[in-house]
Amino acid sequence: MKLQGTLDKRLGDSFKIVSERLEAVHQGLGEMQNLATGVGDLRRVLTNVKSRGSWGEVQLGALLEQILTPAQYVANATMSEFDNERVEYAIRLPGSGETEECLLPIDAKFPIEDYERLQAASEIGDIAAVEEASKALETRIKNSAKDISSKYIRPPKTTDFAILFLTTEGLYTEIIRRPGLCYDLQRTYRVAVAGPTTPTAILSSLQMGFRTVARGRVW
């Protein structure tokens, strides 16, 4: 019982560290929002909803290959034995036992139509259209976070939070610059957002946070 209590405390402390690190990542990257421009080339490449989803999965997969070993993540991972819902990728983290693992879900299917409409309206100075597209974008990401939360967050098999991967820096910057939005996503749905340049920082933070639970195991 004493050992279990110690382990539970360490697990709780590690999640606190993870939360603090994620908040620091968001704040630091938010200060660079004006630098995240010039993503029109990606927008032209992604021609329909299906290809956008596929591109997000391919892009995220390529990033994970650079950061992790094949044994440290799972593609098309199931989060529950009771349904067939699959998330694009899940990171393997130490669980509560010597042989158990805990999966961190990362979704890469977020559509960019509302962001494209927002950019187009901004370029022509259509204030009404900007406002409409802006509201639609916030609604879309909240609905996506809600969907991710209901489908993929299944403790103890998974962490009690998930990550929503956004395919372009412009879209990521648009989301994190909105006052209170990222905090609301994390507080209400337990979902954190990540852009193309942030997975390394986030995964490094997770590694530090869970190292106390691993107790000498290689992650």
N, C-alpha and C. Protein backbone atom coordinates (compact mmCIF):
# COMPACT_ATOMS: atom_id res chain seq x y z
N MET A 1 0.83 -1.21 0.00
CA MET A 1 0.00 0.00 0.00
C MET A 1 0.86 1.26 0.00
N LYS A 2 1.93 1.22 0.81
CA LYS A 2 2.82 2.38 0.86
C LYS A 2 3.48 2.61 -0.49
N LEU A 3 3.90 1.49 -1.16
CA LEU A 3 4.53 1.61 -2.48
C LEU A 3 3.55 2.17 -3.50
N GLN A 4 2.29 1.69 -3.44
CA GLN A 4 1.27 2.18 -4.37
C GLN A 4 1.00 3.65 -4.14
N GLY A 5 0.95 4.04 -2.85
CA GLY A 5 0.71 5.44 -2.54
C GLY A 5 1.83 6.33 -3.05
N THR A 6 3.06 5.86 -2.93
CA THR A 6 4.21 6.61 -3.43
C THR A 6 4.14 6.74 -4.94
N LEU A 7 3.77 5.64 -5.60
CA LEU A 7 3.67 5.64 -7.07
C LEU A 7 2.58 6.59 -7.53
N ASP A 8 1.42 6.56 -6.84
CA ASP A 8 0.32 7.45 -7.20
C ASP A 8 0.72 8.90 -7.05
N LYS A 9 1.46 9.20 -5.97
CA LYS A 9 1.92 10.57 -5.75
C LYS A 9 2.87 11.01 -6.85
N ARG A 10 3.79 10.10 -7.24
CA ARG A 10 4.73 10.45 -8.30
C ARG A 10 4.01 10.66 -9.62
N LEU A 11 3.00 9.82 -9.87
CA LEU A 11 2.23 9.98 -11.11
C LEU A 11 1.51 11.31 -11.13
N GLY A 12 0.91 11.67 -9.97
CA GLY A 12 0.23 12.96 -9.88
C GLY A 12 1.18 14.11 -10.07
N ASP A 13 2.36 14.01 -9.46
CA ASP A 13 3.37 15.07 -9.61
C ASP A 13 3.83 15.19 -11.05
N SER A 14 3.96 14.04 -11.73
CA SER A 14 4.44 14.08 -13.12
C SER A 14 3.42 14.76 -14.02
N PHE A 15 2.14 14.50 -13.78
CA PHE A 15 1.11 15.16 -14.60
C PHE A 15 1.09 16.66 -14.34
N LYS A 16 1.36 17.05 -13.10
CA LYS A 16 1.43 18.48 -12.79
C LYS A 16 2.57 19.13 -13.56
N ILE A 17 3.72 18.44 -13.61
CA ILE A 17 4.87 18.95 -14.36
C ILE A 17 4.52 19.08 -15.83
N VAL A 18 3.85 18.05 -16.38
CA VAL A 18 3.46 18.07 -17.79
C VAL A 18 2.56 19.26 -18.08
N SER A 19 1.56 19.48 -17.22
CA SER A 19 0.64 20.59 -17.41
C SER A 19 1.36 21.93 -17.40
N GLU A 20 2.28 22.09 -16.44
CA GLU A 20 3.04 23.35 -16.35
C GLU A 20 3.93 23.55 -17.56
N ARG A 21 4.55 22.45 -18.04
CA ARG A 21 5.43 22.55 -19.21
C ARG A 21 4.64 22.92 -20.45
N LEU A 22 3.46 22.30 -20.62
CA LEU A 22 2.62 22.61 -21.78
C LEU A 22 2.20 24.07 -21.77
N GLU A 23 1.84 24.57 -20.59
CA GLU A 23 1.44 25.97 -20.48
C GLU A 23 2.61 26.88 -20.86
N ALA A 24 3.82 26.53 -20.43
CA ALA A 24 4.99 27.33 -20.77
C ALA A 24 5.25 27.31 -22.27
N VAL A 25 5.06 26.14 -22.89
CA VAL A 25 5.25 26.04 -24.34
C VAL A 25 4.28 26.95 -25.06
N HIS A 26 3.00 26.92 -24.65
CA HIS A 26 1.99 27.76 -25.30
C HIS A 26 2.31 29.24 -25.15
N GLN A 27 2.73 29.64 -23.95
CA GLN A 27 3.02 31.05 -23.71
C GLN A 27 4.22 31.51 -24.53
N GLY A 28 5.26 30.69 -24.55
CA GLY A 28 6.46 31.07 -25.29
C GLY A 28 6.23 31.16 -26.77
N LEU A 29 5.49 30.19 -27.32
CA LEU A 29 5.24 30.21 -28.75
C LEU A 29 4.23 31.30 -29.13
N GLY A 30 3.37 31.64 -28.18
CA GLY A 30 2.41 32.70 -28.46
C GLY A 30 3.08 34.03 -28.72
N GLU A 31 4.22 34.26 -28.10
CA GLU A 31 4.95 35.50 -28.30
C GLU A 31 5.55 35.61 -29.70
N MET A 32 5.62 34.47 -30.40
CA MET A 32 6.19 34.49 -31.75
C MET A 32 5.11 34.42 -32.83
N GLN A 33 3.88 34.75 -32.49
CA GLN A 33 2.78 34.56 -33.41
C GLN A 33 2.94 35.37 -34.70
N ASN A 34 3.53 36.54 -34.62
CA ASN A 34 3.67 37.36 -35.82
C ASN A 34 4.69 36.83 -36.80
N LEU A 35 5.49 35.84 -36.36
CA LEU A 35 6.49 35.27 -37.25
C LEU A 35 5.94 34.10 -38.07
N ALA A 36 4.78 33.59 -37.66
CA ALA A 36 4.23 32.40 -38.31
C ALA A 36 3.34 32.80 -39.47
N THR A 37 3.94 33.19 -40.58
CA THR A 37 3.21 33.57 -41.79
C THR A 37 3.78 32.81 -42.98
N GLY A 38 3.22 33.07 -44.15
CA GLY A 38 3.74 32.45 -45.36
C GLY A 38 3.45 30.98 -45.47
N VAL A 39 2.23 30.57 -45.14
CA VAL A 39 1.89 29.15 -45.24
C VAL A 39 0.92 28.91 -46.38
N GLY A 40 0.84 29.82 -47.32
CA GLY A 40 -0.07 29.67 -48.45
C GLY A 40 0.24 28.48 -49.32
N ASP A 41 1.53 28.10 -49.38
CA ASP A 41 1.88 26.95 -50.20
C ASP A 41 1.23 25.68 -49.71
N LEU A 42 1.20 25.46 -48.40
CA LEU A 42 0.54 24.29 -47.85
C LEU A 42 -0.96 24.34 -48.11
N ARG A 43 -1.53 25.52 -48.02
CA ARG A 43 -2.96 25.66 -48.22
C ARG A 43 -3.36 25.28 -49.64
N ARG A 44 -2.49 25.59 -50.61
CA ARG A 44 -2.80 25.24 -52.00
C ARG A 44 -2.65 23.75 -52.25
N VAL A 45 -1.70 23.12 -51.54
CA VAL A 45 -1.47 21.69 -51.73
C VAL A 45 -2.65 20.87 -51.24
N LEU A 46 -3.26 21.31 -50.13
CA LEU A 46 -4.33 20.53 -49.52
C LEU A 46 -5.64 20.87 -50.22
N THR A 47 -6.10 20.02 -51.13
CA THR A 47 -7.20 20.38 -52.03
C THR A 47 -8.56 19.92 -51.56
N ASN A 48 -8.68 18.97 -50.68
CA ASN A 48 -9.97 18.54 -50.18
C ASN A 48 -9.85 18.00 -48.77
N VAL A 49 -11.02 17.73 -48.15
CA VAL A 49 -11.03 17.32 -46.75
C VAL A 49 -10.25 16.04 -46.53
N LYS A 50 -10.43 15.05 -47.38
CA LYS A 50 -9.75 13.77 -47.21
C LYS A 50 -8.25 13.93 -47.31
N SER A 51 -7.78 14.70 -48.31
CA SER A 51 -6.34 14.86 -48.46
C SER A 51 -5.74 15.66 -47.32
N ARG A 52 -6.54 16.59 -46.76
CA ARG A 52 -6.04 17.34 -45.61
C ARG A 52 -5.82 16.42 -44.42
N GLY A 53 -6.79 15.53 -44.19
CA GLY A 53 -6.63 14.59 -43.10
C GLY A 53 -5.44 13.68 -43.33
N SER A 54 -5.27 13.21 -44.56
CA SER A 54 -4.15 12.34 -44.88
C SER A 54 -2.83 13.09 -44.72
N TRP A 55 -2.81 14.35 -45.16
CA TRP A 55 -1.59 15.15 -45.04
C TRP A 55 -1.21 15.35 -43.58
N GLY A 56 -2.21 15.62 -42.74
CA GLY A 56 -1.93 15.79 -41.32
C GLY A 56 -1.32 14.54 -40.72
N GLU A 57 -1.84 13.39 -41.11
CA GLU A 57 -1.31 12.12 -40.59
C GLU A 57 0.12 11.88 -41.09
N VAL A 58 0.35 12.14 -42.38
CA VAL A 58 1.69 11.95 -42.94
C VAL A 58 2.68 12.91 -42.29
N GLN A 59 2.27 14.16 -42.14
CA GLN A 59 3.16 15.17 -41.55
C GLN A 59 3.51 14.83 -40.10
N LEU A 60 2.50 14.43 -39.33
CA LEU A 60 2.74 14.08 -37.95
C LEU A 60 3.62 12.83 -37.85
N GLY A 61 3.36 11.85 -38.72
CA GLY A 61 4.17 10.64 -38.72
C GLY A 61 5.63 10.94 -39.00
N ALA A 62 5.88 11.84 -39.94
CA ALA A 62 7.26 12.20 -40.28
C ALA A 62 7.95 12.89 -39.09
N LEU A 63 7.19 13.73 -38.37
CA LEU A 63 7.77 14.41 -37.20
C LEU A 63 8.10 13.41 -36.10
N LEU A 64 7.18 12.47 -35.85
CA LEU A 64 7.42 11.49 -34.80
C LEU A 64 8.61 10.59 -35.13
N GLU A 65 8.79 10.28 -36.41
CA GLU A 65 9.93 9.46 -36.83
C GLU A 65 11.26 10.14 -36.50
N GLN A 66 11.26 11.47 -36.54
CA GLN A 66 12.48 12.22 -36.25
C GLN A 66 12.74 12.32 -34.75
N ILE A 67 11.67 12.28 -33.95
CA ILE A 67 11.81 12.51 -32.52
C ILE A 67 11.93 11.22 -31.72
N LEU A 68 11.17 10.20 -32.12
CA LEU A 68 11.05 8.97 -31.33
C LEU A 68 11.54 7.75 -32.10
N THR A 69 11.73 6.67 -31.38
CA THR A 69 12.02 5.39 -32.01
C THR A 69 10.69 4.71 -32.35
N PRO A 70 10.67 3.75 -33.28
CA PRO A 70 9.42 3.07 -33.65
C PRO A 70 8.70 2.43 -32.46
N ALA A 71 9.45 2.03 -31.45
CA ALA A 71 8.84 1.36 -30.29
C ALA A 71 8.15 2.34 -29.35
N GLN A 72 8.36 3.63 -29.56
CA GLN A 72 7.84 4.62 -28.62
C GLN A 72 6.49 5.20 -29.03
N TYR A 73 5.96 4.80 -30.17
CA TYR A 73 4.64 5.28 -30.56
C TYR A 73 3.91 4.24 -31.41
N VAL A 74 2.60 4.41 -31.53
CA VAL A 74 1.74 3.48 -32.27
C VAL A 74 0.94 4.26 -33.30
N ALA A 75 0.87 3.76 -34.53
CA ALA A 75 0.04 4.36 -35.57
C ALA A 75 -1.33 3.69 -35.58
N ASN A 76 -2.37 4.49 -35.86
CA ASN A 76 -3.75 3.98 -35.91
C ASN A 76 -4.07 3.16 -34.66
N ALA A 77 -3.88 3.77 -33.53
CA ALA A 77 -4.01 3.08 -32.25
C ALA A 77 -5.46 3.07 -31.76
N THR A 78 -5.89 1.94 -31.21
CA THR A 78 -7.19 1.84 -30.57
C THR A 78 -7.05 2.23 -29.11
N MET A 79 -8.02 3.01 -28.63
CA MET A 79 -7.96 3.50 -27.27
C MET A 79 -8.79 2.67 -26.31
N SER A 80 -9.63 1.79 -26.84
CA SER A 80 -10.49 0.98 -25.99
C SER A 80 -10.77 -0.35 -26.64
N GLU A 81 -10.89 -1.38 -25.83
CA GLU A 81 -11.21 -2.71 -26.35
C GLU A 81 -12.69 -2.85 -26.65
N PHE A 82 -13.48 -1.83 -26.31
CA PHE A 82 -14.92 -1.91 -26.48
C PHE A 82 -15.43 -1.24 -27.75
N ASP A 83 -14.57 -0.57 -28.50
CA ASP A 83 -15.00 0.05 -29.76
C ASP A 83 -13.84 0.04 -30.75
N ASN A 84 -14.12 0.50 -31.97
CA ASN A 84 -13.13 0.47 -33.04
C ASN A 84 -12.55 1.84 -33.35
N GLU A 85 -12.77 2.81 -32.48
CA GLU A 85 -12.23 4.15 -32.71
C GLU A 85 -10.71 4.11 -32.71
N ARG A 86 -10.12 4.70 -33.74
CA ARG A 86 -8.66 4.73 -33.84
C ARG A 86 -8.17 6.16 -34.00
N VAL A 87 -7.13 6.48 -33.28
CA VAL A 87 -6.50 7.78 -33.40
C VAL A 87 -5.24 7.63 -34.26
N GLU A 88 -4.86 8.70 -34.98
CA GLU A 88 -3.75 8.60 -35.92
C GLU A 88 -2.47 8.09 -35.26
N TYR A 89 -2.13 8.66 -34.11
CA TYR A 89 -0.92 8.21 -33.41
C TYR A 89 -1.14 8.27 -31.91
N ALA A 90 -0.42 7.41 -31.19
CA ALA A 90 -0.43 7.43 -29.73
C ALA A 90 1.00 7.21 -29.25
N ILE A 91 1.42 8.01 -28.30
CA ILE A 91 2.76 7.90 -27.74
C ILE A 91 2.73 6.95 -26.55
N ARG A 92 3.67 6.04 -26.51
CA ARG A 92 3.76 5.08 -25.40
C ARG A 92 4.51 5.72 -24.23
N LEU A 93 3.84 5.75 -23.08
CA LEU A 93 4.42 6.29 -21.86
C LEU A 93 4.34 5.24 -20.76
N PRO A 94 5.16 5.37 -19.72
CA PRO A 94 5.12 4.41 -18.61
C PRO A 94 3.76 4.41 -17.93
N GLY A 95 3.27 3.20 -17.60
CA GLY A 95 2.01 3.08 -16.88
C GLY A 95 2.23 2.94 -15.39
N SER A 96 1.25 2.36 -14.71
CA SER A 96 1.32 2.26 -13.25
C SER A 96 2.04 1.02 -12.77
N GLY A 97 2.31 0.06 -13.68
CA GLY A 97 2.99 -1.16 -13.30
C GLY A 97 4.28 -1.34 -14.07
N GLU A 98 5.03 -2.35 -13.73
CA GLU A 98 6.32 -2.56 -14.37
C GLU A 98 6.19 -2.86 -15.86
N THR A 99 5.10 -3.51 -16.28
CA THR A 99 4.95 -3.89 -17.68
C THR A 99 3.83 -3.14 -18.39
N GLU A 100 3.08 -2.33 -17.66
CA GLU A 100 1.96 -1.61 -18.26
C GLU A 100 2.45 -0.35 -18.96
N GLU A 101 1.66 0.09 -19.94
CA GLU A 101 1.96 1.34 -20.63
C GLU A 101 0.72 2.21 -20.65
N CYS A 102 0.96 3.49 -20.84
CA CYS A 102 -0.11 4.48 -20.92
C CYS A 102 0.05 5.20 -22.25
N LEU A 103 -1.03 5.30 -23.02
CA LEU A 103 -0.96 5.89 -24.35
C LEU A 103 -1.42 7.34 -24.35
N LEU A 104 -0.67 8.19 -25.04
CA LEU A 104 -1.05 9.59 -25.23
C LEU A 104 -1.60 9.75 -26.65
N PRO A 105 -2.90 9.98 -26.83
CA PRO A 105 -3.49 10.11 -28.16
C PRO A 105 -3.13 11.45 -28.82
N ILE A 106 -2.80 11.38 -30.13
CA ILE A 106 -2.56 12.60 -30.91
C ILE A 106 -3.41 12.53 -32.17
N ASP A 107 -4.37 13.43 -32.28
CA ASP A 107 -5.27 13.48 -33.43
C ASP A 107 -4.73 14.46 -34.47
N ALA A 108 -4.82 14.07 -35.76
CA ALA A 108 -4.26 14.93 -36.82
C ALA A 108 -5.27 15.20 -37.93
N LYS A 109 -6.56 15.20 -37.61
CA LYS A 109 -7.59 15.31 -38.65
C LYS A 109 -8.24 16.69 -38.74
N PHE A 110 -7.73 17.67 -38.01
CA PHE A 110 -8.45 18.95 -37.96
C PHE A 110 -8.54 19.60 -39.34
N PRO A 111 -9.76 19.93 -39.81
CA PRO A 111 -9.94 20.56 -41.13
C PRO A 111 -9.57 22.04 -41.10
N ILE A 112 -9.19 22.57 -42.25
CA ILE A 112 -8.72 23.97 -42.27
C ILE A 112 -9.61 24.89 -43.09
N GLU A 113 -10.83 24.45 -43.47
CA GLU A 113 -11.69 25.30 -44.29
C GLU A 113 -12.01 26.64 -43.63
N ASP A 114 -12.33 26.62 -42.33
CA ASP A 114 -12.68 27.86 -41.65
C ASP A 114 -11.48 28.80 -41.58
N TYR A 115 -10.29 28.23 -41.38
CA TYR A 115 -9.08 29.05 -41.37
C TYR A 115 -8.82 29.66 -42.74
N GLU A 116 -9.06 28.89 -43.79
CA GLU A 116 -8.88 29.41 -45.15
C GLU A 116 -9.84 30.56 -45.43
N ARG A 117 -11.09 30.39 -44.98
CA ARG A 117 -12.07 31.46 -45.17
C ARG A 117 -11.68 32.71 -44.38
N LEU A 118 -11.12 32.51 -43.19
CA LEU A 118 -10.67 33.63 -42.38
C LEU A 118 -9.53 34.38 -43.07
N GLN A 119 -8.59 33.64 -43.62
CA GLN A 119 -7.48 34.27 -44.35
C GLN A 119 -7.97 35.03 -45.57
N ALA A 120 -8.87 34.39 -46.33
CA ALA A 120 -9.39 35.03 -47.55
C ALA A 120 -10.13 36.32 -47.22
N ALA A 121 -10.93 36.29 -46.16
CA ALA A 121 -11.67 37.48 -45.75
C ALA A 121 -10.72 38.58 -45.26
N SER A 122 -9.67 38.19 -44.57
CA SER A 122 -8.70 39.16 -44.08
C SER A 122 -7.96 39.83 -45.23
N GLU A 123 -7.65 39.05 -46.26
CA GLU A 123 -6.91 39.58 -47.40
C GLU A 123 -7.68 40.65 -48.16
N ILE A 124 -9.02 40.52 -48.19
CA ILE A 124 -9.82 41.51 -48.92
C ILE A 124 -10.44 42.56 -48.00
N GLY A 125 -10.17 42.42 -46.70
CA GLY A 125 -10.66 43.41 -45.74
C GLY A 125 -12.15 43.34 -45.47
N ASP A 126 -12.74 42.16 -45.61
CA ASP A 126 -14.17 41.98 -45.36
C ASP A 126 -14.37 41.71 -43.87
N ILE A 127 -14.69 42.75 -43.12
CA ILE A 127 -14.78 42.65 -41.67
C ILE A 127 -15.86 41.68 -41.22
N ALA A 128 -17.02 41.74 -41.87
CA ALA A 128 -18.13 40.85 -41.50
C ALA A 128 -17.76 39.39 -41.73
N ALA A 129 -17.11 39.13 -42.87
CA ALA A 129 -16.70 37.76 -43.19
C ALA A 129 -15.61 37.28 -42.24
N VAL A 130 -14.73 38.18 -41.83
CA VAL A 130 -13.68 37.84 -40.87
C VAL A 130 -14.30 37.41 -39.55
N GLU A 131 -15.28 38.17 -39.10
CA GLU A 131 -15.95 37.85 -37.84
C GLU A 131 -16.67 36.51 -37.92
N GLU A 132 -17.34 36.28 -39.03
CA GLU A 132 -18.07 35.02 -39.20
C GLU A 132 -17.12 33.82 -39.23
N ALA A 133 -16.05 33.94 -40.02
CA ALA A 133 -15.08 32.85 -40.13
C ALA A 133 -14.35 32.62 -38.81
N SER A 134 -14.10 33.70 -38.08
CA SER A 134 -13.42 33.61 -36.80
C SER A 134 -14.26 32.81 -35.79
N LYS A 135 -15.55 33.11 -35.74
CA LYS A 135 -16.44 32.38 -34.83
C LYS A 135 -16.55 30.92 -35.24
N ALA A 136 -16.62 30.68 -36.57
CA ALA A 136 -16.73 29.31 -37.07
C ALA A 136 -15.48 28.51 -36.72
N LEU A 137 -14.31 29.14 -36.78
CA LEU A 137 -13.06 28.46 -36.46
C LEU A 137 -13.02 28.06 -34.99
N GLU A 138 -13.43 28.96 -34.11
CA GLU A 138 -13.44 28.64 -32.68
C GLU A 138 -14.43 27.51 -32.38
N THR A 139 -15.60 27.57 -33.03
CA THR A 139 -16.59 26.52 -32.83
C THR A 139 -16.05 25.18 -33.32
N ARG A 140 -15.39 25.20 -34.46
CA ARG A 140 -14.84 23.97 -35.04
C ARG A 140 -13.80 23.34 -34.13
N ILE A 141 -12.90 24.14 -33.59
CA ILE A 141 -11.84 23.53 -32.77
C ILE A 141 -12.39 23.05 -31.43
N LYS A 142 -13.39 23.73 -30.91
CA LYS A 142 -14.02 23.25 -29.67
C LYS A 142 -14.74 21.93 -29.91
N ASN A 143 -15.44 21.83 -31.04
CA ASN A 143 -16.13 20.59 -31.37
C ASN A 143 -15.14 19.45 -31.61
N SER A 144 -14.01 19.78 -32.24
CA SER A 144 -12.97 18.77 -32.47
C SER A 144 -12.39 18.29 -31.15
N ALA A 145 -12.14 19.21 -30.24
CA ALA A 145 -11.60 18.85 -28.93
C ALA A 145 -12.60 17.98 -28.16
N LYS A 146 -13.87 18.32 -28.25
CA LYS A 146 -14.91 17.53 -27.59
C LYS A 146 -14.96 16.12 -28.17
N ASP A 147 -14.84 16.01 -29.48
CA ASP A 147 -14.85 14.72 -30.15
C ASP A 147 -13.65 13.87 -29.73
N ILE A 148 -12.47 14.50 -29.70
CA ILE A 148 -11.25 13.81 -29.28
C ILE A 148 -11.39 13.31 -27.85
N SER A 149 -11.93 14.16 -26.98
CA SER A 149 -12.08 13.81 -25.59
C SER A 149 -12.99 12.60 -25.40
N SER A 150 -14.09 12.58 -26.12
CA SER A 150 -15.05 11.49 -25.96
C SER A 150 -14.57 10.19 -26.58
N LYS A 151 -13.77 10.27 -27.63
CA LYS A 151 -13.34 9.07 -28.35
C LYS A 151 -12.04 8.47 -27.83
N TYR A 152 -11.10 9.31 -27.45
CA TYR A 152 -9.73 8.83 -27.25
C TYR A 152 -9.20 8.91 -25.82
N ILE A 153 -9.78 9.72 -24.97
CA ILE A 153 -9.26 9.83 -23.61
C ILE A 153 -9.93 8.77 -22.76
N ARG A 154 -9.20 7.70 -22.48
CA ARG A 154 -9.75 6.55 -21.76
C ARG A 154 -8.78 6.05 -20.68
N PRO A 155 -8.56 6.83 -19.62
CA PRO A 155 -7.70 6.35 -18.54
C PRO A 155 -8.27 5.07 -17.94
N PRO A 156 -7.47 4.15 -17.47
CA PRO A 156 -6.01 4.24 -17.31
C PRO A 156 -5.22 3.79 -18.55
N LYS A 157 -5.94 3.33 -19.61
CA LYS A 157 -5.20 2.92 -20.80
C LYS A 157 -4.53 4.11 -21.46
N THR A 158 -5.14 5.29 -21.35
CA THR A 158 -4.57 6.49 -21.93
C THR A 158 -4.27 7.51 -20.83
N THR A 159 -3.52 8.53 -21.21
CA THR A 159 -3.34 9.68 -20.33
C THR A 159 -4.70 10.37 -20.17
N ASP A 160 -4.81 11.26 -19.20
CA ASP A 160 -6.08 11.95 -19.02
C ASP A 160 -6.16 13.23 -19.86
N PHE A 161 -5.33 13.31 -20.87
CA PHE A 161 -5.40 14.41 -21.83
C PHE A 161 -4.93 13.89 -23.19
N ALA A 162 -5.24 14.64 -24.24
CA ALA A 162 -4.84 14.28 -25.59
C ALA A 162 -4.30 15.52 -26.29
N ILE A 163 -3.70 15.31 -27.47
CA ILE A 163 -3.14 16.42 -28.25
C ILE A 163 -3.85 16.50 -29.60
N LEU A 164 -4.20 17.72 -29.99
CA LEU A 164 -4.75 17.99 -31.32
C LEU A 164 -3.65 18.63 -32.15
N PHE A 165 -3.22 17.93 -33.19
CA PHE A 165 -2.13 18.41 -34.05
C PHE A 165 -2.70 19.25 -35.19
N LEU A 166 -2.18 20.48 -35.33
CA LEU A 166 -2.59 21.40 -36.39
C LEU A 166 -1.49 21.45 -37.45
N THR A 167 -1.86 21.34 -38.72
CA THR A 167 -0.89 21.08 -39.77
C THR A 167 -0.05 22.27 -40.20
N THR A 168 -0.49 23.50 -39.93
CA THR A 168 0.30 24.65 -40.35
C THR A 168 0.57 25.58 -39.18
N GLU A 169 1.68 26.28 -39.23
CA GLU A 169 2.02 27.23 -38.18
C GLU A 169 1.02 28.38 -38.14
N GLY A 170 0.53 28.78 -39.34
CA GLY A 170 -0.43 29.87 -39.39
C GLY A 170 -1.70 29.53 -38.62
N LEU A 171 -2.22 28.33 -38.84
CA LEU A 171 -3.42 27.87 -38.13
C LEU A 171 -3.15 27.75 -36.64
N TYR A 172 -2.02 27.16 -36.30
CA TYR A 172 -1.66 27.00 -34.89
C TYR A 172 -1.57 28.36 -34.19
N THR A 173 -0.94 29.32 -34.86
CA THR A 173 -0.80 30.66 -34.28
C THR A 173 -2.15 31.33 -34.12
N GLU A 174 -3.02 31.13 -35.12
CA GLU A 174 -4.35 31.72 -35.06
C GLU A 174 -5.12 31.20 -33.84
N ILE A 175 -4.92 29.94 -33.51
CA ILE A 175 -5.62 29.34 -32.37
C ILE A 175 -5.04 29.83 -31.04
N ILE A 176 -3.72 29.78 -30.90
CA ILE A 176 -3.14 30.10 -29.59
C ILE A 176 -3.17 31.60 -29.27
N ARG A 177 -3.36 32.44 -30.28
CA ARG A 177 -3.38 33.87 -30.00
C ARG A 177 -4.73 34.35 -29.45
N ARG A 178 -5.74 33.49 -29.53
CA ARG A 178 -7.07 33.87 -29.07
C ARG A 178 -7.15 33.75 -27.54
N PRO A 179 -7.45 34.83 -26.85
CA PRO A 179 -7.42 34.84 -25.38
C PRO A 179 -8.29 33.75 -24.77
N GLY A 180 -7.68 32.92 -23.95
CA GLY A 180 -8.42 31.92 -23.20
C GLY A 180 -8.81 30.67 -23.94
N LEU A 181 -8.61 30.60 -25.26
CA LEU A 181 -9.11 29.46 -26.02
C LEU A 181 -8.36 28.18 -25.67
N CYS A 182 -7.02 28.22 -25.69
CA CYS A 182 -6.25 27.02 -25.38
C CYS A 182 -6.49 26.57 -23.95
N TYR A 183 -6.61 27.52 -23.05
CA TYR A 183 -6.90 27.17 -21.66
C TYR A 183 -8.26 26.48 -21.55
N ASP A 184 -9.23 26.98 -22.30
CA ASP A 184 -10.57 26.40 -22.28
C ASP A 184 -10.56 24.98 -22.84
N LEU A 185 -9.79 24.77 -23.90
CA LEU A 185 -9.70 23.43 -24.47
C LEU A 185 -9.08 22.45 -23.48
N GLN A 186 -8.07 22.89 -22.76
CA GLN A 186 -7.41 22.02 -21.79
C GLN A 186 -8.29 21.79 -20.55
N ARG A 187 -8.94 22.84 -20.08
CA ARG A 187 -9.75 22.72 -18.86
C ARG A 187 -11.03 21.93 -19.12
N THR A 188 -11.71 22.22 -20.22
CA THR A 188 -13.01 21.61 -20.49
C THR A 188 -12.89 20.22 -21.10
N TYR A 189 -11.96 20.08 -22.06
CA TYR A 189 -11.89 18.82 -22.81
C TYR A 189 -10.60 18.04 -22.58
N ARG A 190 -9.67 18.60 -21.85
CA ARG A 190 -8.36 17.96 -21.59
C ARG A 190 -7.60 17.73 -22.90
N VAL A 191 -7.67 18.71 -23.79
CA VAL A 191 -7.00 18.62 -25.09
C VAL A 191 -6.06 19.81 -25.25
N ALA A 192 -4.80 19.53 -25.59
CA ALA A 192 -3.81 20.57 -25.87
C ALA A 192 -3.56 20.61 -27.37
N VAL A 193 -3.30 21.79 -27.91
CA VAL A 193 -3.03 21.92 -29.34
C VAL A 193 -1.53 21.98 -29.58
N ALA A 194 -1.12 21.49 -30.75
CA ALA A 194 0.29 21.51 -31.13
C ALA A 194 0.39 21.85 -32.61
N GLY A 195 1.44 22.59 -32.98
CA GLY A 195 1.69 22.91 -34.37
C GLY A 195 2.89 22.13 -34.89
N PRO A 196 3.27 22.35 -36.15
CA PRO A 196 4.37 21.59 -36.74
C PRO A 196 5.70 21.71 -36.02
N THR A 197 5.93 22.81 -35.31
CA THR A 197 7.23 22.99 -34.66
C THR A 197 7.22 22.69 -33.17
N THR A 198 6.06 22.31 -32.61
CA THR A 198 5.97 22.13 -31.16
C THR A 198 6.07 20.70 -30.63
N PRO A 199 5.89 19.64 -31.43
CA PRO A 199 5.94 18.28 -30.85
C PRO A 199 7.22 17.97 -30.09
N THR A 200 8.36 18.44 -30.57
CA THR A 200 9.61 18.15 -29.87
C THR A 200 9.59 18.70 -28.46
N ALA A 201 9.16 19.95 -28.31
CA ALA A 201 9.11 20.56 -26.98
C ALA A 201 8.11 19.85 -26.08
N ILE A 202 6.94 19.51 -26.63
CA ILE A 202 5.91 18.86 -25.83
C ILE A 202 6.36 17.47 -25.39
N LEU A 203 6.92 16.70 -26.34
CA LEU A 203 7.35 15.34 -26.00
C LEU A 203 8.52 15.35 -25.03
N SER A 204 9.40 16.34 -25.15
CA SER A 204 10.49 16.45 -24.18
C SER A 204 9.94 16.74 -22.78
N SER A 205 8.91 17.58 -22.71
CA SER A 205 8.28 17.87 -21.43
C SER A 205 7.63 16.63 -20.84
N LEU A 206 6.98 15.86 -21.70
CA LEU A 206 6.35 14.63 -21.24
C LEU A 206 7.39 13.65 -20.72
N GLN A 207 8.49 13.55 -21.43
CA GLN A 207 9.55 12.64 -21.02
C GLN A 207 10.06 13.00 -19.63
N MET A 208 10.24 14.30 -19.39
CA MET A 208 10.71 14.75 -18.08
C MET A 208 9.66 14.47 -17.01
N GLY A 209 8.39 14.70 -17.35
CA GLY A 209 7.33 14.51 -16.38
C GLY A 209 7.13 13.06 -15.98
N PHE A 210 7.27 12.14 -16.93
CA PHE A 210 7.03 10.74 -16.64
C PHE A 210 8.28 9.98 -16.20
N ARG A 211 9.42 10.65 -16.22
CA ARG A 211 10.65 9.97 -15.84
C ARG A 211 10.60 9.51 -14.38
N THR A 212 9.89 10.25 -13.53
CA THR A 212 9.80 9.86 -12.13
C THR A 212 8.97 8.59 -11.96
N VAL A 213 8.05 8.34 -12.90
CA VAL A 213 7.21 7.15 -12.82
C VAL A 213 7.94 5.94 -13.41
N ALA A 214 8.76 6.20 -14.42
CA ALA A 214 9.45 5.11 -15.12
C ALA A 214 10.37 4.33 -14.19
N ARG A 215 10.96 5.04 -13.22
CA ARG A 215 11.83 4.42 -12.22
C ARG A 215 12.95 3.58 -12.87
N GLY A 216 13.64 4.23 -13.76
CA GLY A 216 14.79 3.58 -14.35
C GLY A 216 14.52 2.90 -15.67
N ARG A 217 13.23 2.78 -16.08
CA ARG A 217 12.94 2.16 -17.36
C ARG A 217 13.26 3.13 -18.47
N VAL A 218 13.66 2.62 -19.64
CA VAL A 218 13.99 3.46 -20.79
C VAL A 218 12.70 3.86 -21.47
N TRP A 219 12.54 5.16 -21.74
CA TRP A 219 11.36 5.65 -22.46
C TRP A 219 11.81 6.18 -23.80
